[in-house]
Amino acid sequence: MSMVLPRIGRRRALQGAASGLVAFGLLLWWLLPLGEDPPGGSITFSTGTPRGVYQKYGTLLRNALSKDMPELKVRLMTSDGSQENVARVATGEVDFTIAAADAVETYELNNGPGADRLRGVARLYDDYVHLVVPRDSDIDSVSDLRGKRVAIGLPHSGVRLIATRVLRTAGIDAQEDITPLADGIDTGPNRLKRGEIDAFFWSGGLPTDGLQQLADTFEFRLVPIDADFVSEMHRQGGATHFYRATNMPESAYGTVRNGTTVPTMAVSNVLITRTDMDPELTEWVTRTVINSRDNIGDDVHSAQLVDVRTAIYTDPVPLHDGARRYYRSVKP
C-alpha cells in the first residue's frame, strides 16, 4: 500500500500539525512561569500573629514562591497585624505584606512616612469582624461591653483599629469605659475560656484557626453588628467606608453556631509592596499569588476567593507596575 498522502490530505495534515504546535506553544506560555529565568535574591514578608490567617497564608505563599522561584529566599516576620504591616512596607523594613484596606488608607490619611510609595499587588480576601463572648454571657450588643474586660487587639493591629471604631460608634471610649486588654488571636481565646476576659474582638478570614480550635472545646457566641450599626460607623468618615455589612456564614465555626448566621461587617485585604520593588519580581509574585489560590485554599479557606478578575482592585493604593504587567498578560 502506498504511504504517499493525497496532495489535499497532506496540506491539511501539515496545517493541522502547525495549528497544534501553535496551540501547544500557547499552552506552555500560559503554564510556565514568566521569562526564561526566575528572579532570585531575597525578600522579607510581614505576616501577623501566630494562629492568625496572615501568618498561615504567608507560610503557604512562601512555599509556593519557592517552587516558582527556587533562587528566591523569602523571610517571614510576625507582626501585630495590619497597622504594623503597612508601616513596615512603607518605611522599607519589609518588602511585601498583607493588610486590611482600612489600615492602609488610615496610614495614608495620617501621612505616615513613605505612604506615597505604597503600591498594590492583589486584592486577596475579606476579613470578618468577630466579637466573641461565652455562650452564657449577658453581652448581647456592642453597647453591653461598657464596664467589661475586653480584648481589643494588639497595639499596632488592624483589630485594634476596628475595635476602637466599633466601640466609638456605640458611645464607648476604649480607654475609659471598658477595661481594655491587648490580646490577639494567639492569647484571646484561651483567656476567654479561662474567664479572664469578658469578650474579645478579632478580624480575620474564615475560619480562623484560633477560633476553630476554641470552638472544639468551648461554647461561645458571636455578638451581632448589624447593617444599621455599620451605616452609623460610616458617618465617622476616614477609612470607615471600607467596612461593609454582611453575615457571618453559618458554616463558620459550625460546632457552636447551630446553623445560624450572625450579622457583622467585613473589610478587604490587599497584598502590598512599594514603588521601588523590582517590576519583574513583582510580576512573578503576582502570578504565583493567583496560580497558588487552590493549593493555599485547601488550608486557608478564605484564600479560595482570590480571583484574577477582582485581584486588580487594590484600593486604596494603585497597582505596582509589575502587577499591572501580569494582569495585562492574562486579560481576555
C-alpha atoms as a PDB file:
ATOM      1  CA  MET A   1       0.000   0.000   0.000  1.00  0.00           C
ATOM      2  CA  SER A   2       1.322   3.414  -0.908  1.00  0.00           C
ATOM      3  CA  MET A   3       2.284   5.645   2.056  1.00  0.00           C
ATOM      4  CA  VAL A   4       2.029   8.828  -0.018  1.00  0.00           C
ATOM      5  CA  LEU A   5      -0.783  11.062   1.151  1.00  0.00           C
ATOM      6  CA  PRO A   6      -3.049  12.735  -1.395  1.00  0.00           C
ATOM      7  CA  ARG A   7      -1.967  16.337  -2.055  1.00  0.00           C
ATOM      8  CA  ILE A   8      -5.011  17.865  -0.365  1.00  0.00           C
ATOM      9  CA  GLY A   9      -4.742  15.470   2.545  1.00  0.00           C
ATOM     10  CA  ARG A  10      -1.064  16.293   3.006  1.00  0.00           C
ATOM     11  CA  ARG A  11      -1.736  20.004   3.018  1.00  0.00           C
ATOM     12  CA  ARG A  12      -4.476  19.603   5.599  1.00  0.00           C
ATOM     13  CA  ALA A  13      -2.286  17.403   7.732  1.00  0.00           C
ATOM     14  CA  LEU A  14       0.527  19.969   7.687  1.00  0.00           C
ATOM     15  CA  GLN A  15      -1.900  22.767   8.535  1.00  0.00           C
ATOM     16  CA  GLY A  16      -3.312  20.715  11.390  1.00  0.00           C
ATOM     17  CA  ALA A  17       0.165  19.977  12.717  1.00  0.00           C
ATOM     18  CA  ALA A  18       1.103  23.652  12.566  1.00  0.00           C
ATOM     19  CA  SER A  19      -2.077  24.612  14.395  1.00  0.00           C
ATOM     20  CA  GLY A  20      -1.325  22.005  17.018  1.00  0.00           C
ATOM     21  CA  LEU A  21       2.173  23.378  17.551  1.00  0.00           C
ATOM     22  CA  VAL A  22       0.814  26.906  17.954  1.00  0.00           C
ATOM     23  CA  ALA A  23      -1.773  25.715  20.485  1.00  0.00           C
ATOM     24  CA  PHE A  24       0.875  23.742  22.350  1.00  0.00           C
ATOM     25  CA  GLY A  25       3.147  26.790  22.426  1.00  0.00           C
ATOM     26  CA  LEU A  26       0.353  28.958  23.804  1.00  0.00           C
ATOM     27  CA  LEU A  27      -0.385  26.349  26.448  1.00  0.00           C
ATOM     28  CA  LEU A  28       3.264  26.307  27.515  1.00  0.00           C
ATOM     29  CA  TRP A  29       3.294  30.114  27.658  1.00  0.00           C
ATOM     30  CA  TRP A  30       0.258  30.045  29.955  1.00  0.00           C
ATOM     31  CA  LEU A  31       1.527  27.304  32.247  1.00  0.00           C
ATOM     32  CA  LEU A  32       5.203  28.107  32.510  1.00  0.00           C
ATOM     33  CA  PRO A  33       6.490  30.975  34.686  1.00  0.00           C
ATOM     34  CA  LEU A  34       7.308  34.329  33.171  1.00  0.00           C
ATOM     35  CA  GLY A  35      10.612  34.876  31.418  1.00  0.00           C
ATOM     36  CA  GLU A  36      13.435  32.437  30.831  1.00  0.00           C
ATOM     37  CA  ASP A  37      14.936  32.510  34.294  1.00  0.00           C
ATOM     38  CA  PRO A  38      13.007  33.197  37.505  1.00  0.00           C
ATOM     39  CA  PRO A  39      14.333  36.064  39.620  1.00  0.00           C
ATOM     40  CA  GLY A  40      16.405  35.294  42.705  1.00  0.00           C
ATOM     41  CA  GLY A  41      17.693  37.199  45.682  1.00  0.00           C
ATOM     42  CA  SER A  42      15.765  37.672  48.918  1.00  0.00           C
ATOM     43  CA  ILE A  43      12.614  39.403  50.108  1.00  0.00           C
ATOM     44  CA  THR A  44      11.024  39.887  53.510  1.00  0.00           C
ATOM     45  CA  PHE A  45       7.302  39.307  54.066  1.00  0.00           C
ATOM     46  CA  SER A  46       5.496  40.646  57.151  1.00  0.00           C
ATOM     47  CA  THR A  47       2.640  38.374  58.253  1.00  0.00           C
ATOM     48  CA  GLY A  48       0.747  38.599  61.533  1.00  0.00           C
ATOM     49  CA  THR A  49       0.232  36.913  64.885  1.00  0.00           C
ATOM     50  CA  PRO A  50       0.616  33.166  65.442  1.00  0.00           C
ATOM     51  CA  ARG A  51      -2.661  31.267  64.864  1.00  0.00           C
ATOM     52  CA  GLY A  52      -3.903  34.087  62.641  1.00  0.00           C
ATOM     53  CA  VAL A  53      -4.742  33.856  58.933  1.00  0.00           C
ATOM     54  CA  TYR A  54      -1.987  36.253  57.805  1.00  0.00           C
ATOM     55  CA  GLN A  55       0.683  34.031  59.323  1.00  0.00           C
ATOM     56  CA  LYS A  56      -0.747  30.857  57.794  1.00  0.00           C
ATOM     57  CA  TYR A  57      -1.263  32.452  54.386  1.00  0.00           C
ATOM     58  CA  GLY A  58       2.254  33.895  54.396  1.00  0.00           C
ATOM     59  CA  THR A  59       3.774  30.496  55.204  1.00  0.00           C
ATOM     60  CA  LEU A  60       1.888  28.773  52.392  1.00  0.00           C
ATOM     61  CA  LEU A  61       2.662  31.562  49.927  1.00  0.00           C
ATOM     62  CA  ARG A  62       6.356  31.266  50.770  1.00  0.00           C
ATOM     63  CA  ASN A  63       6.168  27.570  49.847  1.00  0.00           C
ATOM     64  CA  ALA A  64       4.531  28.413  46.527  1.00  0.00           C
ATOM     65  CA  LEU A  65       7.103  31.112  45.758  1.00  0.00           C
ATOM     66  CA  SER A  66       9.946  28.686  46.454  1.00  0.00           C
ATOM     67  CA  LYS A  67       8.589  26.340  43.789  1.00  0.00           C
ATOM     68  CA  ASP A  68       8.227  29.068  41.152  1.00  0.00           C
ATOM     69  CA  MET A  69      11.431  30.898  42.094  1.00  0.00           C
ATOM     70  CA  PRO A  70      13.896  28.409  43.626  1.00  0.00           C
ATOM     71  CA  GLU A  71      16.638  31.039  43.891  1.00  0.00           C
ATOM     72  CA  LEU A  72      14.445  33.482  45.827  1.00  0.00           C
ATOM     73  CA  LYS A  73      14.779  33.443  49.608  1.00  0.00           C
ATOM     74  CA  VAL A  74      11.623  34.560  51.422  1.00  0.00           C
ATOM     75  CA  ARG A  75      11.919  35.535  55.082  1.00  0.00           C
ATOM     76  CA  LEU A  76       8.744  35.810  57.148  1.00  0.00           C
ATOM     77  CA  MET A  77       8.335  38.250  60.041  1.00  0.00           C
ATOM     78  CA  THR A  78       5.467  38.005  62.514  1.00  0.00           C
ATOM     79  CA  SER A  79       3.744  41.253  63.475  1.00  0.00           C
ATOM     80  CA  ASP A  80       0.897  42.750  65.466  1.00  0.00           C
ATOM     81  CA  GLY A  81      -1.123  42.926  62.254  1.00  0.00           C
ATOM     82  CA  SER A  82      -2.263  45.361  59.587  1.00  0.00           C
ATOM     83  CA  GLN A  83      -1.146  48.679  61.061  1.00  0.00           C
ATOM     84  CA  GLU A  84       2.368  47.447  61.741  1.00  0.00           C
ATOM     85  CA  ASN A  85       2.498  45.707  58.373  1.00  0.00           C
ATOM     86  CA  VAL A  86       1.670  48.865  56.437  1.00  0.00           C
ATOM     87  CA  ALA A  87       4.305  50.901  58.270  1.00  0.00           C
ATOM     88  CA  ARG A  88       6.942  48.226  57.716  1.00  0.00           C
ATOM     89  CA  VAL A  89       6.446  48.191  53.952  1.00  0.00           C
ATOM     90  CA  ALA A  90       6.171  51.963  53.622  1.00  0.00           C
ATOM     91  CA  THR A  91       9.421  52.550  55.514  1.00  0.00           C
ATOM     92  CA  GLY A  92      11.351  49.786  53.750  1.00  0.00           C
ATOM     93  CA  GLU A  93      11.659  47.426  56.718  1.00  0.00           C
ATOM     94  CA  VAL A  94       9.964  44.651  54.711  1.00  0.00           C
ATOM     95  CA  ASP A  95       9.145  44.201  51.025  1.00  0.00           C
ATOM     96  CA  PHE A  96       5.666  42.644  50.915  1.00  0.00           C
ATOM     97  CA  THR A  97       2.783  42.239  53.327  1.00  0.00           C
ATOM     98  CA  ILE A  98      -0.945  41.729  53.724  1.00  0.00           C
ATOM     99  CA  ALA A  99      -3.026  44.467  55.297  1.00  0.00           C
ATOM    100  CA  ALA A 100      -6.667  45.399  55.624  1.00  0.00           C
ATOM    101  CA  ALA A 101      -7.727  48.207  53.306  1.00  0.00           C
ATOM    102  CA  ASP A 102      -8.908  50.440  56.150  1.00  0.00           C
ATOM    103  CA  ALA A 103      -5.480  50.250  57.800  1.00  0.00           C
ATOM    104  CA  VAL A 104      -3.761  51.143  54.534  1.00  0.00           C
ATOM    105  CA  GLU A 105      -5.927  54.209  53.991  1.00  0.00           C
ATOM    106  CA  THR A 106      -5.627  55.265  57.635  1.00  0.00           C
ATOM    107  CA  TYR A 107      -1.845  55.241  57.275  1.00  0.00           C
ATOM    108  CA  GLU A 108      -2.158  57.391  54.146  1.00  0.00           C
ATOM    109  CA  LEU A 109      -4.610  59.808  55.771  1.00  0.00           C
ATOM    110  CA  ASN A 110      -2.199  60.194  58.676  1.00  0.00           C
ATOM    111  CA  ASN A 111       0.635  60.988  56.238  1.00  0.00           C
ATOM    112  CA  GLY A 112       2.718  58.100  57.528  1.00  0.00           C
ATOM    113  CA  PRO A 113       6.366  58.008  56.368  1.00  0.00           C
ATOM    114  CA  GLY A 114       6.606  56.607  52.845  1.00  0.00           C
ATOM    115  CA  ALA A 115       2.832  56.416  52.386  1.00  0.00           C
ATOM    116  CA  ASP A 116       3.119  57.724  48.826  1.00  0.00           C
ATOM    117  CA  ARG A 117       5.357  54.760  47.931  1.00  0.00           C
ATOM    118  CA  LEU A 118       2.769  52.090  48.753  1.00  0.00           C
ATOM    119  CA  ARG A 119       1.556  50.002  45.816  1.00  0.00           C
ATOM    120  CA  GLY A 120      -0.863  47.123  45.400  1.00  0.00           C
ATOM    121  CA  VAL A 121      -0.152  43.605  44.178  1.00  0.00           C
ATOM    122  CA  ALA A 122      -3.520  41.882  44.614  1.00  0.00           C
ATOM    123  CA  ARG A 123      -6.781  42.113  46.458  1.00  0.00           C
ATOM    124  CA  LEU A 124      -6.978  38.838  48.375  1.00  0.00           C
ATOM    125  CA  TYR A 125      -9.979  38.020  50.586  1.00  0.00           C
ATOM    126  CA  ASP A 126     -12.220  39.654  53.174  1.00  0.00           C
ATOM    127  CA  ASP A 127     -11.690  39.784  56.924  1.00  0.00           C
ATOM    128  CA  TYR A 128     -14.813  39.284  59.043  1.00  0.00           C
ATOM    129  CA  VAL A 129     -15.186  41.108  62.339  1.00  0.00           C
ATOM    130  CA  HIS A 130     -15.798  38.769  65.286  1.00  0.00           C
ATOM    131  CA  LEU A 131     -16.999  39.954  68.683  1.00  0.00           C
ATOM    132  CA  VAL A 132     -16.684  36.794  70.770  1.00  0.00           C
ATOM    133  CA  VAL A 133     -18.293  36.132  74.167  1.00  0.00           C
ATOM    134  CA  PRO A 134     -19.065  32.997  76.216  1.00  0.00           C
ATOM    135  CA  ARG A 135     -22.400  31.401  75.333  1.00  0.00           C
ATOM    136  CA  ASP A 136     -23.898  32.259  78.745  1.00  0.00           C
ATOM    137  CA  SER A 137     -22.674  35.882  78.647  1.00  0.00           C
ATOM    138  CA  ASP A 138     -25.084  38.769  79.305  1.00  0.00           C
ATOM    139  CA  ILE A 139     -23.451  40.720  76.425  1.00  0.00           C
ATOM    140  CA  ASP A 140     -25.929  40.853  73.538  1.00  0.00           C
ATOM    141  CA  SER A 141     -24.806  44.038  71.785  1.00  0.00           C
ATOM    142  CA  VAL A 142     -21.768  46.265  71.456  1.00  0.00           C
ATOM    143  CA  SER A 143     -23.309  48.676  73.965  1.00  0.00           C
ATOM    144  CA  ASP A 144     -23.298  45.912  76.577  1.00  0.00           C
ATOM    145  CA  LEU A 145     -19.484  45.975  76.598  1.00  0.00           C
ATOM    146  CA  ARG A 146     -19.465  49.034  78.830  1.00  0.00           C
ATOM    147  CA  GLY A 147     -17.686  48.216  82.088  1.00  0.00           C
ATOM    148  CA  LYS A 148     -16.436  44.864  80.789  1.00  0.00           C
ATOM    149  CA  ARG A 149     -12.957  43.393  80.324  1.00  0.00           C
ATOM    150  CA  VAL A 150     -12.497  43.468  76.551  1.00  0.00           C
ATOM    151  CA  ALA A 151      -9.538  42.354  74.433  1.00  0.00           C
ATOM    152  CA  ILE A 152      -9.279  44.900  71.645  1.00  0.00           C
ATOM    153  CA  GLY A 153      -6.241  43.533  69.804  1.00  0.00           C
ATOM    154  CA  LEU A 154      -2.527  44.219  69.801  1.00  0.00           C
ATOM    155  CA  PRO A 155      -1.474  47.899  69.734  1.00  0.00           C
ATOM    156  CA  HIS A 156      -0.495  48.009  66.039  1.00  0.00           C
ATOM    157  CA  SER A 157      -3.066  45.589  64.703  1.00  0.00           C
ATOM    158  CA  GLY A 158      -5.953  46.083  62.341  1.00  0.00           C
ATOM    159  CA  VAL A 159      -8.143  44.566  65.057  1.00  0.00           C
ATOM    160  CA  ARG A 160      -7.288  47.454  67.405  1.00  0.00           C
ATOM    161  CA  LEU A 161      -8.218  49.954  64.692  1.00  0.00           C
ATOM    162  CA  ILE A 162     -11.578  48.313  64.019  1.00  0.00           C
ATOM    163  CA  ALA A 163     -12.426  47.591  67.670  1.00  0.00           C
ATOM    164  CA  THR A 164     -11.812  51.210  68.654  1.00  0.00           C
ATOM    165  CA  ARG A 165     -14.112  52.420  65.881  1.00  0.00           C
ATOM    166  CA  VAL A 166     -16.830  49.894  66.740  1.00  0.00           C
ATOM    167  CA  LEU A 167     -16.749  50.928  70.391  1.00  0.00           C
ATOM    168  CA  ARG A 168     -16.774  54.626  69.499  1.00  0.00           C
ATOM    169  CA  THR A 169     -19.879  54.098  67.373  1.00  0.00           C
ATOM    170  CA  ALA A 170     -21.597  52.587  70.412  1.00  0.00           C
ATOM    171  CA  GLY A 171     -20.572  55.624  72.506  1.00  0.00           C
ATOM    172  CA  ILE A 172     -17.868  53.719  74.374  1.00  0.00           C
ATOM    173  CA  ASP A 173     -14.382  55.118  74.943  1.00  0.00           C
ATOM    174  CA  ALA A 174     -11.917  52.232  74.566  1.00  0.00           C
ATOM    175  CA  GLN A 175      -9.668  53.605  77.299  1.00  0.00           C
ATOM    176  CA  GLU A 176     -12.227  54.940  79.778  1.00  0.00           C
ATOM    177  CA  ASP A 177     -15.436  52.899  79.547  1.00  0.00           C
ATOM    178  CA  ILE A 178     -14.049  49.357  79.417  1.00  0.00           C
ATOM    179  CA  THR A 179     -11.015  47.542  80.768  1.00  0.00           C
ATOM    180  CA  PRO A 180      -9.026  47.256  77.519  1.00  0.00           C
ATOM    181  CA  LEU A 181      -6.662  44.328  77.077  1.00  0.00           C
ATOM    182  CA  ALA A 182      -4.073  43.916  74.336  1.00  0.00           C
ATOM    183  CA  ASP A 183      -4.807  40.313  73.363  1.00  0.00           C
ATOM    184  CA  GLY A 184      -4.843  38.975  69.844  1.00  0.00           C
ATOM    185  CA  ILE A 185      -5.987  35.689  68.377  1.00  0.00           C
ATOM    186  CA  ASP A 186      -2.966  33.944  69.900  1.00  0.00           C
ATOM    187  CA  THR A 187      -3.984  34.632  73.517  1.00  0.00           C
ATOM    188  CA  GLY A 188      -7.574  35.946  73.469  1.00  0.00           C
ATOM    189  CA  PRO A 189      -9.423  32.628  73.012  1.00  0.00           C
ATOM    190  CA  ASN A 190      -7.753  30.905  75.973  1.00  0.00           C
ATOM    191  CA  ARG A 191      -8.208  33.937  78.210  1.00  0.00           C
ATOM    192  CA  LEU A 192     -11.929  33.958  77.347  1.00  0.00           C
ATOM    193  CA  LYS A 193     -12.108  30.238  78.097  1.00  0.00           C
ATOM    194  CA  ARG A 194     -10.438  30.753  81.495  1.00  0.00           C
ATOM    195  CA  GLY A 195     -12.807  33.608  82.375  1.00  0.00           C
ATOM    196  CA  GLU A 196     -10.053  36.234  82.449  1.00  0.00           C
ATOM    197  CA  ILE A 197     -11.825  38.463  79.921  1.00  0.00           C
ATOM    198  CA  ASP A 198     -15.499  39.011  79.094  1.00  0.00           C
ATOM    199  CA  ALA A 199     -15.166  39.472  75.338  1.00  0.00           C
ATOM    200  CA  PHE A 200     -12.635  39.860  72.582  1.00  0.00           C
ATOM    201  CA  PHE A 201     -12.532  41.362  69.132  1.00  0.00           C
ATOM    202  CA  TRP A 202     -10.993  39.634  66.159  1.00  0.00           C
ATOM    203  CA  SER A 203     -10.933  40.480  62.453  1.00  0.00           C
ATOM    204  CA  GLY A 204      -9.777  37.733  60.126  1.00  0.00           C
ATOM    205  CA  GLY A 205     -10.511  35.352  57.292  1.00  0.00           C
ATOM    206  CA  LEU A 206     -12.914  32.452  57.729  1.00  0.00           C
ATOM    207  CA  PRO A 207     -12.366  30.268  59.541  1.00  0.00           C
ATOM    208  CA  THR A 208      -9.535  31.467  61.773  1.00  0.00           C
ATOM    209  CA  ASP A 209      -7.637  28.562  63.328  1.00  0.00           C
ATOM    210  CA  GLY A 210      -7.509  30.123  66.781  1.00  0.00           C
ATOM    211  CA  LEU A 211     -11.311  30.337  66.901  1.00  0.00           C
ATOM    212  CA  GLN A 212     -11.847  26.985  65.232  1.00  0.00           C
ATOM    213  CA  GLN A 213      -9.767  25.377  67.965  1.00  0.00           C
ATOM    214  CA  LEU A 214     -11.703  27.279  70.631  1.00  0.00           C
ATOM    215  CA  ALA A 215     -14.987  26.037  69.148  1.00  0.00           C
ATOM    216  CA  ASP A 216     -13.865  22.451  69.645  1.00  0.00           C
ATOM    217  CA  THR A 217     -13.562  22.867  73.415  1.00  0.00           C
ATOM    218  CA  PHE A 218     -15.646  25.897  74.471  1.00  0.00           C
ATOM    219  CA  GLU A 219     -19.106  27.204  73.681  1.00  0.00           C
ATOM    220  CA  PHE A 220     -19.061  30.822  72.553  1.00  0.00           C
ATOM    221  CA  ARG A 221     -21.333  33.260  70.754  1.00  0.00           C
ATOM    222  CA  LEU A 222     -20.741  35.995  68.204  1.00  0.00           C
ATOM    223  CA  VAL A 223     -22.347  39.318  69.132  1.00  0.00           C
ATOM    224  CA  PRO A 224     -24.232  40.823  66.167  1.00  0.00           C
ATOM    225  CA  ILE A 225     -23.094  44.009  64.432  1.00  0.00           C
ATOM    226  CA  ASP A 226     -25.970  44.846  62.114  1.00  0.00           C
ATOM    227  CA  ALA A 227     -26.226  46.910  58.936  1.00  0.00           C
ATOM    228  CA  ASP A 228     -27.613  49.974  60.713  1.00  0.00           C
ATOM    229  CA  PHE A 229     -24.620  49.927  63.060  1.00  0.00           C
ATOM    230  CA  VAL A 230     -22.230  49.727  60.087  1.00  0.00           C
ATOM    231  CA  SER A 231     -24.017  52.658  58.439  1.00  0.00           C
ATOM    232  CA  GLU A 232     -23.524  54.647  61.635  1.00  0.00           C
ATOM    233  CA  MET A 233     -19.823  53.783  61.550  1.00  0.00           C
ATOM    234  CA  HIS A 234     -19.581  55.209  58.028  1.00  0.00           C
ATOM    235  CA  ARG A 235     -20.582  58.602  59.453  1.00  0.00           C
ATOM    236  CA  GLN A 236     -17.265  58.718  61.303  1.00  0.00           C
ATOM    237  CA  GLY A 237     -15.563  59.304  57.942  1.00  0.00           C
ATOM    238  CA  GLY A 238     -11.925  58.473  57.359  1.00  0.00           C
ATOM    239  CA  ALA A 239     -11.386  54.906  56.207  1.00  0.00           C
ATOM    240  CA  THR A 240     -14.701  53.571  57.535  1.00  0.00           C
ATOM    241  CA  HIS A 241     -16.169  53.409  54.028  1.00  0.00           C
ATOM    242  CA  PHE A 242     -14.158  50.204  53.544  1.00  0.00           C
ATOM    243  CA  TYR A 243     -16.436  48.393  56.018  1.00  0.00           C
ATOM    244  CA  ARG A 244     -19.402  46.596  54.510  1.00  0.00           C
ATOM    245  CA  ALA A 245     -22.320  44.957  56.234  1.00  0.00           C
ATOM    246  CA  THR A 246     -22.515  41.200  55.767  1.00  0.00           C
ATOM    247  CA  ASN A 247     -23.393  37.989  57.586  1.00  0.00           C
ATOM    248  CA  MET A 248     -21.085  35.508  59.240  1.00  0.00           C
ATOM    249  CA  PRO A 249     -21.963  32.348  57.274  1.00  0.00           C
ATOM    250  CA  GLU A 250     -23.497  29.513  59.253  1.00  0.00           C
ATOM    251  CA  SER A 251     -20.683  27.191  58.177  1.00  0.00           C
ATOM    252  CA  ALA A 252     -18.076  29.187  60.126  1.00  0.00           C
ATOM    253  CA  TYR A 253     -17.389  27.554  63.499  1.00  0.00           C
ATOM    254  CA  GLY A 254     -20.329  25.242  62.925  1.00  0.00           C
ATOM    255  CA  THR A 255     -19.925  23.334  66.177  1.00  0.00           C
ATOM    256  CA  VAL A 256     -21.057  26.379  68.176  1.00  0.00           C
ATOM    257  CA  ARG A 257     -23.259  28.155  65.642  1.00  0.00           C
ATOM    258  CA  ASN A 258     -26.163  25.678  65.379  1.00  0.00           C
ATOM    259  CA  GLY A 259     -26.751  26.590  61.739  1.00  0.00           C
ATOM    260  CA  THR A 260     -27.369  30.291  62.339  1.00  0.00           C
ATOM    261  CA  THR A 261     -25.962  33.355  60.623  1.00  0.00           C
ATOM    262  CA  VAL A 262     -24.883  36.456  62.514  1.00  0.00           C
ATOM    263  CA  PRO A 263     -24.795  39.989  61.083  1.00  0.00           C
ATOM    264  CA  THR A 264     -21.361  41.553  61.122  1.00  0.00           C
ATOM    265  CA  MET A 265     -19.064  43.568  58.884  1.00  0.00           C
ATOM    266  CA  ALA A 266     -16.143  42.789  56.605  1.00  0.00           C
ATOM    267  CA  VAL A 267     -13.152  44.580  55.117  1.00  0.00           C
ATOM    268  CA  SER A 268     -10.976  43.538  52.193  1.00  0.00           C
ATOM    269  CA  ASN A 269      -7.303  42.588  52.457  1.00  0.00           C
ATOM    270  CA  VAL A 270      -4.674  43.665  49.957  1.00  0.00           C
ATOM    271  CA  LEU A 271      -1.187  42.383  49.257  1.00  0.00           C
ATOM    272  CA  ILE A 272       1.058  45.450  49.055  1.00  0.00           C
ATOM    273  CA  THR A 273       4.621  46.446  48.276  1.00  0.00           C
ATOM    274  CA  ARG A 274       6.498  49.660  47.359  1.00  0.00           C
ATOM    275  CA  THR A 275       7.213  51.555  44.164  1.00  0.00           C
ATOM    276  CA  ASP A 276      10.912  50.602  44.277  1.00  0.00           C
ATOM    277  CA  MET A 277      10.261  46.846  44.221  1.00  0.00           C
ATOM    278  CA  ASP A 278      11.656  45.228  41.058  1.00  0.00           C
ATOM    279  CA  PRO A 279       8.857  45.031  38.433  1.00  0.00           C
ATOM    280  CA  GLU A 280       9.922  41.593  37.168  1.00  0.00           C
ATOM    281  CA  LEU A 281       9.974  40.135  40.663  1.00  0.00           C
ATOM    282  CA  THR A 282       6.613  41.707  41.462  1.00  0.00           C
ATOM    283  CA  GLU A 283       5.161  40.255  38.271  1.00  0.00           C
ATOM    284  CA  TRP A 284       6.325  36.789  39.262  1.00  0.00           C
ATOM    285  CA  VAL A 285       4.958  37.209  42.794  1.00  0.00           C
ATOM    286  CA  THR A 286       1.596  38.301  41.388  1.00  0.00           C
ATOM    287  CA  ARG A 287       1.405  35.269  39.120  1.00  0.00           C
ATOM    288  CA  THR A 288       2.227  32.934  41.999  1.00  0.00           C
ATOM    289  CA  VAL A 289      -0.443  34.538  44.206  1.00  0.00           C
ATOM    290  CA  ILE A 290      -3.097  33.905  41.564  1.00  0.00           C
ATOM    291  CA  ASN A 291      -1.931  30.455  40.467  1.00  0.00           C
ATOM    292  CA  SER A 292      -1.485  29.140  44.018  1.00  0.00           C
ATOM    293  CA  ARG A 293      -5.029  30.041  45.047  1.00  0.00           C
ATOM    294  CA  ASP A 294      -6.399  26.496  45.033  1.00  0.00           C
ATOM    295  CA  ASN A 295      -3.456  24.886  46.808  1.00  0.00           C
ATOM    296  CA  ILE A 296      -3.356  27.562  49.505  1.00  0.00           C
ATOM    297  CA  GLY A 297      -7.141  27.466  49.688  1.00  0.00           C
ATOM    298  CA  ASP A 298      -7.025  23.844  50.804  1.00  0.00           C
ATOM    299  CA  ASP A 299      -5.622  25.087  54.140  1.00  0.00           C
ATOM    300  CA  VAL A 300      -6.718  28.738  54.187  1.00  0.00           C
ATOM    301  CA  HIS A 301     -10.309  28.547  53.018  1.00  0.00           C
ATOM    302  CA  SER A 302     -10.715  32.287  52.615  1.00  0.00           C
ATOM    303  CA  ALA A 303      -7.911  32.229  50.003  1.00  0.00           C
ATOM    304  CA  GLN A 304     -10.249  30.344  47.675  1.00  0.00           C
ATOM    305  CA  LEU A 305     -11.871  33.720  46.979  1.00  0.00           C
ATOM    306  CA  VAL A 306      -8.742  35.149  45.346  1.00  0.00           C
ATOM    307  CA  ASP A 307      -9.663  35.761  41.730  1.00  0.00           C
ATOM    308  CA  VAL A 308      -7.813  37.397  38.841  1.00  0.00           C
ATOM    309  CA  ARG A 309     -10.928  39.413  37.937  1.00  0.00           C
ATOM    310  CA  THR A 310     -11.110  41.124  41.331  1.00  0.00           C
ATOM    311  CA  ALA A 311      -7.442  40.991  42.365  1.00  0.00           C
ATOM    312  CA  ILE A 312      -6.670  44.126  40.360  1.00  0.00           C
ATOM    313  CA  TYR A 313      -8.840  46.270  42.657  1.00  0.00           C
ATOM    314  CA  THR A 314      -6.235  47.171  45.282  1.00  0.00           C
ATOM    315  CA  ASP A 315      -7.926  50.347  46.503  1.00  0.00           C
ATOM    316  CA  PRO A 316      -6.751  52.491  48.290  1.00  0.00           C
ATOM    317  CA  VAL A 317      -3.342  52.040  46.617  1.00  0.00           C
ATOM    318  CA  PRO A 318      -2.621  51.884  42.873  1.00  0.00           C
ATOM    319  CA  LEU A 319      -1.224  48.744  41.280  1.00  0.00           C
ATOM    320  CA  HIS A 320       2.506  48.236  41.161  1.00  0.00           C
ATOM    321  CA  ASP A 321       3.838  48.307  37.578  1.00  0.00           C
ATOM    322  CA  GLY A 322       4.910  44.669  37.799  1.00  0.00           C
ATOM    323  CA  ALA A 323       1.470  43.536  38.991  1.00  0.00           C
ATOM    324  CA  ARG A 324      -0.181  45.555  36.235  1.00  0.00           C
ATOM    325  CA  ARG A 325       2.048  43.864  33.680  1.00  0.00           C
ATOM    326  CA  TYR A 326       0.864  40.441  34.872  1.00  0.00           C
ATOM    327  CA  TYR A 327      -2.850  41.338  34.800  1.00  0.00           C
ATOM    328  CA  ARG A 328      -2.488  42.731  31.280  1.00  0.00           C
ATOM    329  CA  SER A 329      -0.804  39.494  30.155  1.00  0.00           C
ATOM    330  CA  VAL A 330      -3.807  37.390  31.214  1.00  0.00           C
ATOM    331  CA  LYS A 331      -6.516  39.814  30.201  1.00  0.00           C
ATOM    332  CA  PRO A 332      -9.050  38.042  27.934  1.00  0.00           C
END
